[in-house]
Amino acid sequence: MTSRVEQREQTRRTLVAESRRLFAARGYGEVGLSEIVRAAKVTKGALYHHFDGKADLFRAVLREVQDEVGRKVAAAADAHDDPWTQFTAGCQAFLSASTDPDVQRIMLIDGPAVLGWNEWRAMDEAASARHLAEALTDLMDKGLIARRPVKPLTHLLSGAMNEAALFLAGSSNPDDLRDTMAALTQLLESLRTTDGT
């Protein structure tokens, strides 16, 4: 029984890994289910046992990418003790992680196109915006930024960082990452209270 459960889980992991590799290399629209099952060395029946179809499989791939980016952001933030530095390091880590072409293709380009804006936005909110809102609330509670409605501020910052990541995805200028990080730092510093109250 356990080996059957493990085998099913391994099949699912293989399908997600192979799909991710193919989607990242060529984009969702250029990859067919036959190619995915061939790469994963499984049958279409095995794929449909785990996923409703290609879009559902992509959803699992996107969730995995979002989780990885989230872990990188958390690790960058957790490397610091100061709450403000945690916040800014996490925001910068998001931009850095978003410069990975695989992340750009899956999370920022194909994600909204494949799943639609509303579902992509809901997944983005569950994966990262919730953490951003928690960080902003904590900074307000500590008096490091002025108290204001958290939800609109979260959406503004999340949107700005997603747009910056898309800008970097289309850029061939190596200075753009540095310049974007500097602009982000300036934007975040504008939120900070000068007296800590």
C-alpha atoms as a PDB file:
ATOM      1  CA  MET A   1       0.000   0.000   0.000  1.00  0.00           C
ATOM      2  CA  THR A   2       2.707   2.477   0.994  1.00  0.00           C
ATOM      3  CA  SER A   3       4.770   1.741  -2.115  1.00  0.00           C
ATOM      4  CA  ARG A   4       1.689   2.351  -4.296  1.00  0.00           C
ATOM      5  CA  VAL A   5       1.104   5.713  -2.585  1.00  0.00           C
ATOM      6  CA  GLU A   6       4.790   6.586  -2.969  1.00  0.00           C
ATOM      7  CA  GLN A   7       4.695   5.554  -6.624  1.00  0.00           C
ATOM      8  CA  ARG A   8       1.663   7.776  -7.281  1.00  0.00           C
ATOM      9  CA  GLU A   9       3.373  10.689  -5.547  1.00  0.00           C
ATOM     10  CA  GLN A  10       6.554  10.078  -7.553  1.00  0.00           C
ATOM     11  CA  THR A  11       4.525  10.069 -10.776  1.00  0.00           C
ATOM     12  CA  ARG A  12       2.950  13.379  -9.795  1.00  0.00           C
ATOM     13  CA  ARG A  13       6.331  14.908  -8.949  1.00  0.00           C
ATOM     14  CA  THR A  14       7.773  13.706 -12.262  1.00  0.00           C
ATOM     15  CA  LEU A  15       4.864  15.154 -14.232  1.00  0.00           C
ATOM     16  CA  VAL A  16       5.268  18.520 -12.498  1.00  0.00           C
ATOM     17  CA  ALA A  17       9.067  18.524 -12.946  1.00  0.00           C
ATOM     18  CA  GLU A  18       8.961  17.614 -16.639  1.00  0.00           C
ATOM     19  CA  SER A  19       6.124  20.036 -17.336  1.00  0.00           C
ATOM     20  CA  ARG A  20       8.005  22.781 -15.567  1.00  0.00           C
ATOM     21  CA  ARG A  21      11.115  22.121 -17.635  1.00  0.00           C
ATOM     22  CA  LEU A  22       9.143  22.161 -20.886  1.00  0.00           C
ATOM     23  CA  PHE A  23       6.959  25.173 -20.002  1.00  0.00           C
ATOM     24  CA  ALA A  24      10.009  27.159 -18.923  1.00  0.00           C
ATOM     25  CA  ALA A  25      11.935  26.325 -22.079  1.00  0.00           C
ATOM     26  CA  ARG A  26       9.213  26.965 -24.665  1.00  0.00           C
ATOM     27  CA  GLY A  27       6.139  28.386 -22.975  1.00  0.00           C
ATOM     28  CA  TYR A  28       2.806  26.801 -22.132  1.00  0.00           C
ATOM     29  CA  GLY A  29       1.295  27.226 -25.587  1.00  0.00           C
ATOM     30  CA  GLU A  30       4.117  25.396 -27.349  1.00  0.00           C
ATOM     31  CA  VAL A  31       3.993  22.232 -25.221  1.00  0.00           C
ATOM     32  CA  GLY A  32       1.480  19.450 -25.821  1.00  0.00           C
ATOM     33  CA  LEU A  33       0.250  16.783 -23.421  1.00  0.00           C
ATOM     34  CA  SER A  34       1.806  14.042 -25.567  1.00  0.00           C
ATOM     35  CA  GLU A  35       5.213  15.635 -25.150  1.00  0.00           C
ATOM     36  CA  ILE A  36       4.734  15.947 -21.392  1.00  0.00           C
ATOM     37  CA  VAL A  37       3.762  12.310 -20.867  1.00  0.00           C
ATOM     38  CA  ARG A  38       6.596  11.174 -23.150  1.00  0.00           C
ATOM     39  CA  ALA A  39       9.128  13.234 -21.160  1.00  0.00           C
ATOM     40  CA  ALA A  40       7.705  11.960 -17.857  1.00  0.00           C
ATOM     41  CA  LYS A  41       7.613   8.367 -19.189  1.00  0.00           C
ATOM     42  CA  VAL A  42       3.985   7.900 -18.123  1.00  0.00           C
ATOM     43  CA  THR A  43       0.680   7.373 -19.903  1.00  0.00           C
ATOM     44  CA  LYS A  44      -1.949  10.022 -20.533  1.00  0.00           C
ATOM     45  CA  GLY A  45      -4.134   8.028 -18.151  1.00  0.00           C
ATOM     46  CA  ALA A  46      -1.560   8.555 -15.406  1.00  0.00           C
ATOM     47  CA  LEU A  47      -1.544  12.277 -16.120  1.00  0.00           C
ATOM     48  CA  TYR A  48      -5.345  12.441 -15.952  1.00  0.00           C
ATOM     49  CA  HIS A  49      -5.283  10.478 -12.698  1.00  0.00           C
ATOM     50  CA  HIS A  50      -3.431  13.420 -11.101  1.00  0.00           C
ATOM     51  CA  PHE A  51      -4.581  16.431 -13.139  1.00  0.00           C
ATOM     52  CA  ASP A  52      -7.725  17.516 -14.989  1.00  0.00           C
ATOM     53  CA  GLY A  53      -5.642  18.545 -17.998  1.00  0.00           C
ATOM     54  CA  LYS A  54      -2.791  20.751 -19.110  1.00  0.00           C
ATOM     55  CA  ALA A  55      -4.075  23.894 -17.377  1.00  0.00           C
ATOM     56  CA  ASP A  56      -4.423  22.034 -14.077  1.00  0.00           C
ATOM     57  CA  LEU A  57      -0.887  20.699 -14.473  1.00  0.00           C
ATOM     58  CA  PHE A  58       0.348  24.227 -15.194  1.00  0.00           C
ATOM     59  CA  ARG A  59      -1.407  25.415 -12.025  1.00  0.00           C
ATOM     60  CA  ALA A  60       0.648  22.898 -10.014  1.00  0.00           C
ATOM     61  CA  VAL A  61       3.838  24.064 -11.731  1.00  0.00           C
ATOM     62  CA  LEU A  62       3.009  27.713 -11.020  1.00  0.00           C
ATOM     63  CA  ARG A  63       2.277  26.921  -7.368  1.00  0.00           C
ATOM     64  CA  GLU A  64       5.660  25.195  -7.086  1.00  0.00           C
ATOM     65  CA  VAL A  65       7.469  28.180  -8.624  1.00  0.00           C
ATOM     66  CA  GLN A  66       5.617  30.621  -6.358  1.00  0.00           C
ATOM     67  CA  ASP A  67       6.504  28.508  -3.315  1.00  0.00           C
ATOM     68  CA  GLU A  68      10.198  28.482  -4.294  1.00  0.00           C
ATOM     69  CA  VAL A  69      10.237  32.251  -4.756  1.00  0.00           C
ATOM     70  CA  GLY A  70       8.477  32.597  -1.404  1.00  0.00           C
ATOM     71  CA  ARG A  71      11.154  30.478   0.291  1.00  0.00           C
ATOM     72  CA  LYS A  72      13.901  32.653  -1.216  1.00  0.00           C
ATOM     73  CA  VAL A  73      12.160  35.802  -0.010  1.00  0.00           C
ATOM     74  CA  ALA A  74      11.705  34.338   3.488  1.00  0.00           C
ATOM     75  CA  ALA A  75      15.333  33.196   3.652  1.00  0.00           C
ATOM     76  CA  ALA A  76      16.573  36.651   2.648  1.00  0.00           C
ATOM     77  CA  ALA A  77      14.343  38.306   5.253  1.00  0.00           C
ATOM     78  CA  ASP A  78      15.196  35.786   7.985  1.00  0.00           C
ATOM     79  CA  ALA A  79      18.906  36.474   7.525  1.00  0.00           C
ATOM     80  CA  HIS A  80      18.370  39.809   9.338  1.00  0.00           C
ATOM     81  CA  ASP A  81      17.199  40.739  12.817  1.00  0.00           C
ATOM     82  CA  ASP A  82      16.073  44.300  12.119  1.00  0.00           C
ATOM     83  CA  PRO A  83      12.408  44.380  10.947  1.00  0.00           C
ATOM     84  CA  TRP A  84      13.004  47.117   8.367  1.00  0.00           C
ATOM     85  CA  THR A  85      15.989  45.291   6.877  1.00  0.00           C
ATOM     86  CA  GLN A  86      13.979  42.060   6.825  1.00  0.00           C
ATOM     87  CA  PHE A  87      11.265  43.826   4.845  1.00  0.00           C
ATOM     88  CA  THR A  88      13.558  45.459   2.309  1.00  0.00           C
ATOM     89  CA  ALA A  89      15.723  42.342   1.902  1.00  0.00           C
ATOM     90  CA  GLY A  90      12.603  40.275   1.217  1.00  0.00           C
ATOM     91  CA  CYS A  91      11.360  42.738  -1.410  1.00  0.00           C
ATOM     92  CA  GLN A  92      14.757  42.788  -3.091  1.00  0.00           C
ATOM     93  CA  ALA A  93      14.951  38.986  -2.991  1.00  0.00           C
ATOM     94  CA  PHE A  94      11.631  38.834  -4.843  1.00  0.00           C
ATOM     95  CA  LEU A  95      13.045  40.982  -7.631  1.00  0.00           C
ATOM     96  CA  SER A  96      16.255  38.952  -7.749  1.00  0.00           C
ATOM     97  CA  ALA A  97      14.348  35.667  -7.907  1.00  0.00           C
ATOM     98  CA  SER A  98      12.176  37.098 -10.662  1.00  0.00           C
ATOM     99  CA  THR A  99      15.189  37.623 -12.911  1.00  0.00           C
ATOM    100  CA  ASP A 100      15.397  33.848 -13.412  1.00  0.00           C
ATOM    101  CA  PRO A 101      14.045  33.277 -16.960  1.00  0.00           C
ATOM    102  CA  ASP A 102      12.126  30.149 -15.848  1.00  0.00           C
ATOM    103  CA  VAL A 103      10.402  32.102 -13.070  1.00  0.00           C
ATOM    104  CA  GLN A 104       9.606  34.953 -15.446  1.00  0.00           C
ATOM    105  CA  ARG A 105       8.096  32.674 -18.070  1.00  0.00           C
ATOM    106  CA  ILE A 106       5.981  30.578 -15.690  1.00  0.00           C
ATOM    107  CA  MET A 107       5.058  33.008 -12.933  1.00  0.00           C
ATOM    108  CA  LEU A 108       4.814  36.357 -14.689  1.00  0.00           C
ATOM    109  CA  ILE A 109       4.164  35.737 -18.380  1.00  0.00           C
ATOM    110  CA  ASP A 110       2.289  32.451 -18.775  1.00  0.00           C
ATOM    111  CA  GLY A 111       0.627  32.521 -15.340  1.00  0.00           C
ATOM    112  CA  PRO A 112      -1.863  35.324 -16.057  1.00  0.00           C
ATOM    113  CA  ALA A 113      -2.249  34.286 -19.720  1.00  0.00           C
ATOM    114  CA  VAL A 114      -3.031  30.629 -18.986  1.00  0.00           C
ATOM    115  CA  LEU A 115      -5.127  30.904 -15.841  1.00  0.00           C
ATOM    116  CA  GLY A 116      -6.666  34.306 -16.423  1.00  0.00           C
ATOM    117  CA  TRP A 117      -6.004  37.440 -14.441  1.00  0.00           C
ATOM    118  CA  ASN A 118      -8.421  36.700 -11.589  1.00  0.00           C
ATOM    119  CA  GLU A 119      -7.122  33.216 -10.793  1.00  0.00           C
ATOM    120  CA  TRP A 120      -3.487  34.255 -11.232  1.00  0.00           C
ATOM    121  CA  ARG A 121      -4.057  37.234  -8.943  1.00  0.00           C
ATOM    122  CA  ALA A 122      -5.701  35.017  -6.312  1.00  0.00           C
ATOM    123  CA  MET A 123      -2.746  32.618  -6.427  1.00  0.00           C
ATOM    124  CA  ASP A 124      -0.282  35.515  -6.236  1.00  0.00           C
ATOM    125  CA  GLU A 125      -2.166  36.933  -3.275  1.00  0.00           C
ATOM    126  CA  ALA A 126      -2.140  33.575  -1.481  1.00  0.00           C
ATOM    127  CA  ALA A 127       1.545  33.014  -2.239  1.00  0.00           C
ATOM    128  CA  SER A 128       3.102  36.399  -1.574  1.00  0.00           C
ATOM    129  CA  ALA A 129       0.708  39.294  -1.028  1.00  0.00           C
ATOM    130  CA  ARG A 130      -0.472  37.804   2.266  1.00  0.00           C
ATOM    131  CA  HIS A 131       3.122  37.807   3.548  1.00  0.00           C
ATOM    132  CA  LEU A 132       3.650  41.333   2.278  1.00  0.00           C
ATOM    133  CA  ALA A 133       0.516  42.475   4.129  1.00  0.00           C
ATOM    134  CA  GLU A 134       1.733  40.793   7.324  1.00  0.00           C
ATOM    135  CA  ALA A 135       5.131  42.496   7.001  1.00  0.00           C
ATOM    136  CA  LEU A 136       3.537  45.895   6.430  1.00  0.00           C
ATOM    137  CA  THR A 137       1.213  45.433   9.420  1.00  0.00           C
ATOM    138  CA  ASP A 138       4.184  44.484  11.594  1.00  0.00           C
ATOM    139  CA  LEU A 139       6.118  47.575  10.459  1.00  0.00           C
ATOM    140  CA  MET A 140       3.115  49.764  11.264  1.00  0.00           C
ATOM    141  CA  ASP A 141       2.757  48.134  14.684  1.00  0.00           C
ATOM    142  CA  LYS A 142       6.431  48.881  15.354  1.00  0.00           C
ATOM    143  CA  GLY A 143       6.031  52.493  14.186  1.00  0.00           C
ATOM    144  CA  LEU A 144       8.468  52.046  11.307  1.00  0.00           C
ATOM    145  CA  ILE A 145       5.922  53.149   8.728  1.00  0.00           C
ATOM    146  CA  ALA A 146       2.890  55.353   9.213  1.00  0.00           C
ATOM    147  CA  ARG A 147      -0.364  53.567   9.929  1.00  0.00           C
ATOM    148  CA  ARG A 148      -2.589  53.435   6.848  1.00  0.00           C
ATOM    149  CA  PRO A 149      -4.939  50.917   5.227  1.00  0.00           C
ATOM    150  CA  VAL A 150      -2.833  47.817   4.592  1.00  0.00           C
ATOM    151  CA  LYS A 151      -4.753  46.255   1.715  1.00  0.00           C
ATOM    152  CA  PRO A 152      -4.335  49.090  -0.824  1.00  0.00           C
ATOM    153  CA  LEU A 153      -0.689  49.538   0.130  1.00  0.00           C
ATOM    154  CA  THR A 154      -0.092  45.805  -0.286  1.00  0.00           C
ATOM    155  CA  HIS A 155      -1.640  45.840  -3.752  1.00  0.00           C
ATOM    156  CA  LEU A 156       0.329  48.912  -4.783  1.00  0.00           C
ATOM    157  CA  LEU A 157       3.657  47.443  -3.685  1.00  0.00           C
ATOM    158  CA  SER A 158       2.885  43.986  -5.055  1.00  0.00           C
ATOM    159  CA  GLY A 159       1.858  45.471  -8.390  1.00  0.00           C
ATOM    160  CA  ALA A 160       4.950  47.653  -8.530  1.00  0.00           C
ATOM    161  CA  MET A 161       7.238  44.703  -7.841  1.00  0.00           C
ATOM    162  CA  ASN A 162       5.456  42.452 -10.354  1.00  0.00           C
ATOM    163  CA  GLU A 163       5.726  45.186 -12.998  1.00  0.00           C
ATOM    164  CA  ALA A 164       9.391  45.707 -12.167  1.00  0.00           C
ATOM    165  CA  ALA A 165       9.953  41.965 -12.565  1.00  0.00           C
ATOM    166  CA  LEU A 166       8.222  42.038 -15.974  1.00  0.00           C
ATOM    167  CA  PHE A 167      10.366  45.016 -16.974  1.00  0.00           C
ATOM    168  CA  LEU A 168      13.486  43.069 -16.015  1.00  0.00           C
ATOM    169  CA  ALA A 169      12.215  40.035 -17.951  1.00  0.00           C
ATOM    170  CA  GLY A 170      12.228  42.077 -21.151  1.00  0.00           C
ATOM    171  CA  SER A 171      15.493  43.866 -20.492  1.00  0.00           C
ATOM    172  CA  SER A 172      18.865  43.020 -21.963  1.00  0.00           C
ATOM    173  CA  ASN A 173      20.649  45.812 -20.099  1.00  0.00           C
ATOM    174  CA  PRO A 174      22.701  44.374 -17.200  1.00  0.00           C
ATOM    175  CA  ASP A 175      22.397  47.692 -15.326  1.00  0.00           C
ATOM    176  CA  ASP A 176      18.608  47.487 -15.149  1.00  0.00           C
ATOM    177  CA  LEU A 177      18.575  45.120 -12.165  1.00  0.00           C
ATOM    178  CA  ARG A 178      20.811  47.438 -10.159  1.00  0.00           C
ATOM    179  CA  ASP A 179      18.777  50.493 -11.182  1.00  0.00           C
ATOM    180  CA  THR A 180      15.491  48.760 -10.407  1.00  0.00           C
ATOM    181  CA  MET A 181      16.761  47.701  -6.974  1.00  0.00           C
ATOM    182  CA  ALA A 182      17.806  51.297  -6.283  1.00  0.00           C
ATOM    183  CA  ALA A 183      14.370  52.575  -7.350  1.00  0.00           C
ATOM    184  CA  LEU A 184      12.670  49.962  -5.163  1.00  0.00           C
ATOM    185  CA  THR A 185      14.825  50.938  -2.180  1.00  0.00           C
ATOM    186  CA  GLN A 186      13.921  54.595  -2.687  1.00  0.00           C
ATOM    187  CA  LEU A 187      10.230  53.725  -2.965  1.00  0.00           C
ATOM    188  CA  LEU A 188      10.297  51.651   0.222  1.00  0.00           C
ATOM    189  CA  GLU A 189      12.299  54.297   2.113  1.00  0.00           C
ATOM    190  CA  SER A 190       9.608  56.843   1.251  1.00  0.00           C
ATOM    191  CA  LEU A 191       7.209  54.813   3.406  1.00  0.00           C
ATOM    192  CA  ARG A 192       9.500  54.820   6.425  1.00  0.00           C
ATOM    193  CA  THR A 193       8.802  57.219   9.273  1.00  0.00           C
ATOM    194  CA  THR A 194      11.657  59.548  10.080  1.00  0.00           C
ATOM    195  CA  ASP A 195      11.288  59.414  13.836  1.00  0.00           C
ATOM    196  CA  GLY A 196      10.275  55.749  14.275  1.00  0.00           C
ATOM    197  CA  THR A 197       6.859  56.712  15.701  1.00  0.00           C
END
